[in-house]
Amino acid sequence: ITMKNNIITYETYYGTSKRTAEILALIIGNAKVYSIDDAPENISMYDNVISVFAFHGYITGQKTMKYLKDLNKSLNGKSLGLVGVGLMENDINNYGKLIEEAIRKKADFTKFIEGELRINKLTEEDRGVLEKFLGEHNIKFMDMGKFKVEEVCEEACIIKELLEKHNKKLDEYELQKAIDDYISSKNTCTLTSGVCEFIRSTPIEYSYVNGCFYFFTEGG
């Protein structure tokens, strides 16, 4: 199975989206994780793009949206996943749709991860805004939600399975041809031999003919 390269970006305010991205990377594998503030402009080496963002009022996913929009045609031919971290699962549909409309590309999948609100961790500004908002809707101002590592792991396994469906499985003939073509395109290798714990490696030129290696050496 051909290995796919994955880039996972996260847009976080209190760290939960970062934790989510890191867990996704461990389970999905072959992934590079970036803060949205440090994400690369060139993603040509990646096959799949997964963007994790936190629900944060009217600025939810704004940096993620801008980043994906700036990538423009670079997203063509790549799988795109959107993962929202917050308190209301329905919000992923709304925010996901806004991002899709802005970048003019439909995500291959969207996922929701339950986040958490801890009053003692809020900045004074966020605390004031949230307290006012909840008061206007007659909702008690208190800790909400519970971030569960197990939930992230379960969703990561589902995402991994979705991405692997796009992987190409080579038959034996194609695999052998790919190996032969690679070896034939080179002429130098490292020949290694050893006894017990003693290992010796020697750079040496070779010729590859009909599946056999021929080494030319002056001895030694």
Protein backbone atom coordinates (compact mmCIF):
# COMPACT_ATOMS: atom_id res chain seq x y z
CA ILE A 1 0.00 0.00 0.00
CA THR A 2 1.42 3.37 -0.94
CA MET A 3 1.97 5.62 2.07
CA LYS A 4 0.14 8.93 2.09
CA ASN A 5 1.60 12.06 3.64
CA ASN A 6 -0.73 13.98 5.95
CA ILE A 7 -0.61 17.56 7.18
CA ILE A 8 -2.68 18.42 10.24
CA THR A 9 -3.16 22.06 11.24
CA TYR A 10 -4.78 23.30 14.43
CA GLU A 11 -6.30 26.62 15.43
CA THR A 12 -6.54 26.72 19.21
CA TYR A 13 -7.26 29.15 22.03
CA TYR A 14 -7.03 27.06 25.19
CA GLY A 15 -5.10 24.03 23.92
CA THR A 16 -7.81 21.45 23.24
CA SER A 17 -7.55 21.65 19.46
CA LYS A 18 -3.78 21.21 19.72
CA ARG A 19 -4.24 18.06 21.80
CA THR A 20 -6.79 16.80 19.28
CA ALA A 21 -4.42 17.36 16.35
CA GLU A 22 -1.56 15.60 18.12
CA ILE A 23 -3.71 12.55 18.93
CA LEU A 24 -4.99 12.40 15.34
CA ALA A 25 -1.40 12.47 14.06
CA LEU A 26 -0.33 9.58 16.30
CA ILE A 27 -3.15 7.32 15.14
CA ILE A 28 -3.44 8.33 11.48
CA GLY A 29 0.33 8.17 11.10
CA ASN A 30 2.78 9.65 8.60
CA ALA A 31 1.60 13.12 9.65
CA LYS A 32 3.13 16.51 10.33
CA VAL A 33 1.35 18.80 12.81
CA TYR A 34 1.45 22.59 12.54
CA SER A 35 -0.12 25.45 14.41
CA ILE A 36 -2.23 27.38 11.91
CA ASP A 37 0.09 30.33 12.54
CA ASP A 38 3.11 28.32 11.33
CA ALA A 39 1.52 26.15 8.64
CA PRO A 40 3.55 25.97 5.39
CA GLU A 41 2.52 27.70 2.19
CA ASN A 42 3.80 24.80 0.10
CA ILE A 43 1.85 21.57 0.68
CA SER A 44 2.87 19.78 -2.51
CA MET A 45 4.44 16.93 -0.51
CA TYR A 46 1.17 16.18 1.31
CA ASP A 47 -1.70 14.04 0.03
CA ASN A 48 -4.24 14.75 2.78
CA VAL A 49 -5.03 17.97 4.65
CA ILE A 50 -6.81 17.88 8.01
CA SER A 51 -7.73 21.17 9.69
CA VAL A 52 -8.66 21.19 13.38
CA PHE A 53 -10.24 24.34 14.82
CA ALA A 54 -11.94 25.39 18.04
CA PHE A 55 -15.41 26.92 18.25
CA HIS A 56 -14.77 30.44 19.49
CA GLY A 57 -17.73 32.70 18.79
CA TYR A 58 -17.76 34.83 15.67
CA ILE A 59 -14.04 34.25 15.00
CA THR A 60 -14.39 30.46 14.81
CA GLY A 61 -12.13 28.98 12.14
CA GLN A 62 -11.19 32.35 10.67
CA LYS A 63 -7.46 31.61 10.48
CA THR A 64 -8.13 28.13 9.15
CA MET A 65 -10.46 29.54 6.51
CA LYS A 66 -7.86 32.10 5.39
CA TYR A 67 -5.10 29.51 5.27
CA LEU A 68 -7.10 27.07 3.15
CA LYS A 69 -8.31 29.89 0.93
CA ASP A 70 -4.73 31.08 0.35
CA LEU A 71 -3.70 27.57 -0.68
CA ASN A 72 -6.16 27.90 -3.57
CA LYS A 73 -5.45 25.31 -6.29
CA SER A 74 -2.89 23.52 -4.10
CA LEU A 75 -5.82 21.64 -2.53
CA ASN A 76 -6.81 20.10 -5.87
CA GLY A 77 -6.41 16.33 -5.83
CA LYS A 78 -5.98 16.20 -2.04
CA SER A 79 -8.40 14.89 0.56
CA LEU A 80 -9.62 17.60 2.94
CA GLY A 81 -10.98 17.00 6.42
CA LEU A 82 -12.44 19.53 8.88
CA VAL A 83 -12.50 18.75 12.59
CA GLY A 84 -14.36 21.12 14.92
CA VAL A 85 -13.79 21.13 18.68
CA GLY A 86 -16.53 22.68 20.79
CA LEU A 87 -19.67 22.22 22.86
CA MET A 88 -22.43 22.00 20.22
CA GLU A 89 -22.17 19.28 17.56
CA ASN A 90 -24.52 21.09 15.18
CA ASP A 91 -22.02 23.94 14.93
CA ILE A 92 -19.62 21.87 12.84
CA ASN A 93 -22.15 21.84 10.01
CA ASN A 94 -22.51 25.64 10.10
CA TYR A 95 -18.81 26.46 10.42
CA GLY A 96 -17.84 23.71 8.01
CA LYS A 97 -20.19 25.08 5.38
CA LEU A 98 -18.77 28.59 5.80
CA ILE A 99 -15.24 27.29 5.24
CA GLU A 100 -16.29 25.23 2.22
CA GLU A 101 -18.00 28.22 0.64
CA ALA A 102 -14.97 30.44 1.25
CA ILE A 103 -12.46 28.01 -0.27
CA ARG A 104 -14.87 26.74 -2.95
CA LYS A 105 -14.13 23.13 -2.12
CA LYS A 106 -16.24 20.56 -0.32
CA ALA A 107 -14.54 18.74 2.52
CA ASP A 108 -14.24 14.98 2.15
CA PHE A 109 -15.33 14.65 5.77
CA THR A 110 -16.24 16.76 8.79
CA LYS A 111 -15.94 15.58 12.39
CA PHE A 112 -16.99 16.94 15.77
CA ILE A 113 -14.98 16.54 18.97
CA GLU A 114 -16.50 17.59 22.27
CA GLY A 115 -14.39 20.27 23.89
CA GLU A 116 -14.66 21.79 27.31
CA LEU A 117 -15.27 25.16 28.91
CA ARG A 118 -13.45 25.83 32.16
CA ILE A 119 -14.28 29.22 33.65
CA ASN A 120 -11.04 29.49 35.62
CA LYS A 121 -9.03 29.22 32.38
CA LEU A 122 -10.84 31.99 30.49
CA THR A 123 -9.25 35.34 29.78
CA GLU A 124 -11.04 38.32 31.31
CA GLU A 125 -12.28 39.35 27.86
CA ASP A 126 -13.65 35.91 26.99
CA ARG A 127 -15.19 35.54 30.43
CA GLY A 128 -17.06 38.84 30.09
CA VAL A 129 -18.33 38.11 26.58
CA LEU A 130 -19.45 34.60 27.47
CA GLU A 131 -21.11 35.57 30.71
CA LYS A 132 -23.10 38.25 28.92
CA PHE A 133 -24.09 35.89 26.09
CA LEU A 134 -25.23 33.12 28.43
CA GLY A 135 -27.12 35.60 30.60
CA GLU A 136 -29.07 36.87 27.60
CA HIS A 137 -30.13 33.28 26.85
CA ASN A 138 -30.91 32.38 30.48
CA ILE A 139 -28.11 29.81 30.58
CA LYS A 140 -26.17 29.29 33.78
CA PHE A 141 -22.56 30.45 33.61
CA MET A 142 -20.59 27.36 34.64
CA ASP A 143 -18.09 24.76 33.45
CA MET A 144 -19.35 22.83 30.43
CA GLY A 145 -18.34 19.87 28.32
CA LYS A 146 -15.69 17.22 28.84
CA PHE A 147 -12.81 16.56 26.48
CA LYS A 148 -12.34 12.81 26.14
CA VAL A 149 -9.15 11.34 24.71
CA GLU A 150 -11.04 8.13 23.97
CA GLU A 151 -13.46 9.99 21.72
CA VAL A 152 -10.62 11.55 19.76
CA CYS A 153 -8.98 8.13 19.35
CA GLU A 154 -12.22 6.63 18.04
CA GLU A 155 -12.70 9.43 15.51
CA ALA A 156 -9.03 9.17 14.50
CA CYS A 157 -9.50 5.49 13.67
CA ILE A 158 -12.52 6.34 11.51
CA ILE A 159 -10.57 9.10 9.73
CA LYS A 160 -7.62 6.76 9.17
CA GLU A 161 -9.94 4.22 7.56
CA LEU A 162 -11.50 6.88 5.32
CA LEU A 163 -8.10 8.08 4.14
CA GLU A 164 -6.75 4.59 3.53
CA LYS A 165 -9.60 3.89 1.11
CA HIS A 166 -7.87 6.29 -1.27
CA ASN A 167 -4.53 4.46 -1.03
CA LYS A 168 -3.47 2.50 -4.06
CA LYS A 169 -2.60 -1.17 -3.57
CA LEU A 170 -0.01 -2.40 -6.05
CA ASP A 171 -0.17 -5.91 -7.44
CA GLU A 172 2.99 -8.05 -7.36
CA TYR A 173 4.02 -7.20 -10.93
CA GLU A 174 3.64 -3.43 -10.41
CA LEU A 175 5.52 -3.59 -7.13
CA GLN A 176 8.43 -5.55 -8.64
CA LYS A 177 8.60 -3.13 -11.59
CA ALA A 178 8.65 -0.12 -9.24
CA ILE A 179 11.52 -1.68 -7.26
CA ASP A 180 13.50 -2.57 -10.41
CA ASP A 181 13.01 0.89 -11.89
CA TYR A 182 14.25 2.53 -8.69
CA ILE A 183 17.35 0.30 -8.41
CA SER A 184 18.14 0.73 -12.11
CA SER A 185 18.01 4.52 -11.79
CA LYS A 186 20.92 4.42 -9.30
CA ASN A 187 24.47 3.09 -9.48
CA THR A 188 25.77 3.38 -5.91
CA CYS A 189 24.77 1.60 -2.73
CA THR A 190 26.14 0.74 0.68
CA LEU A 191 27.24 -2.89 0.96
CA THR A 192 27.10 -4.07 4.56
CA SER A 193 28.44 -7.21 6.19
CA GLY A 194 29.07 -8.16 9.76
CA VAL A 195 30.13 -10.70 12.34
CA CYS A 196 28.42 -10.66 15.74
CA GLU A 197 28.40 -7.02 16.84
CA PHE A 198 30.98 -5.88 14.28
CA ILE A 199 29.35 -4.20 11.26
CA ARG A 200 31.18 -2.85 8.24
CA SER A 201 29.54 -0.68 5.58
CA THR A 202 31.22 0.23 2.30
CA PRO A 203 29.91 2.63 -0.38
CA ILE A 204 30.30 0.88 -3.73
CA GLU A 205 29.16 1.17 -7.34
CA TYR A 206 27.03 -1.56 -8.86
CA SER A 207 25.36 -2.72 -12.06
CA TYR A 208 21.89 -4.23 -11.92
CA VAL A 209 21.07 -6.72 -14.67
CA ASN A 210 18.12 -9.13 -14.83
CA GLY A 211 17.47 -8.91 -11.09
CA CYS A 212 21.12 -9.43 -10.11
CA PHE A 213 23.63 -7.03 -8.57
CA TYR A 214 27.21 -6.93 -9.94
CA PHE A 215 29.81 -5.18 -7.77
CA PHE A 216 33.18 -4.05 -9.09
CA THR A 217 35.94 -3.75 -6.54
CA GLU A 218 39.70 -3.93 -6.22
CA GLY A 219 39.33 -6.27 -3.31
CA GLY A 220 39.17 -5.72 0.43
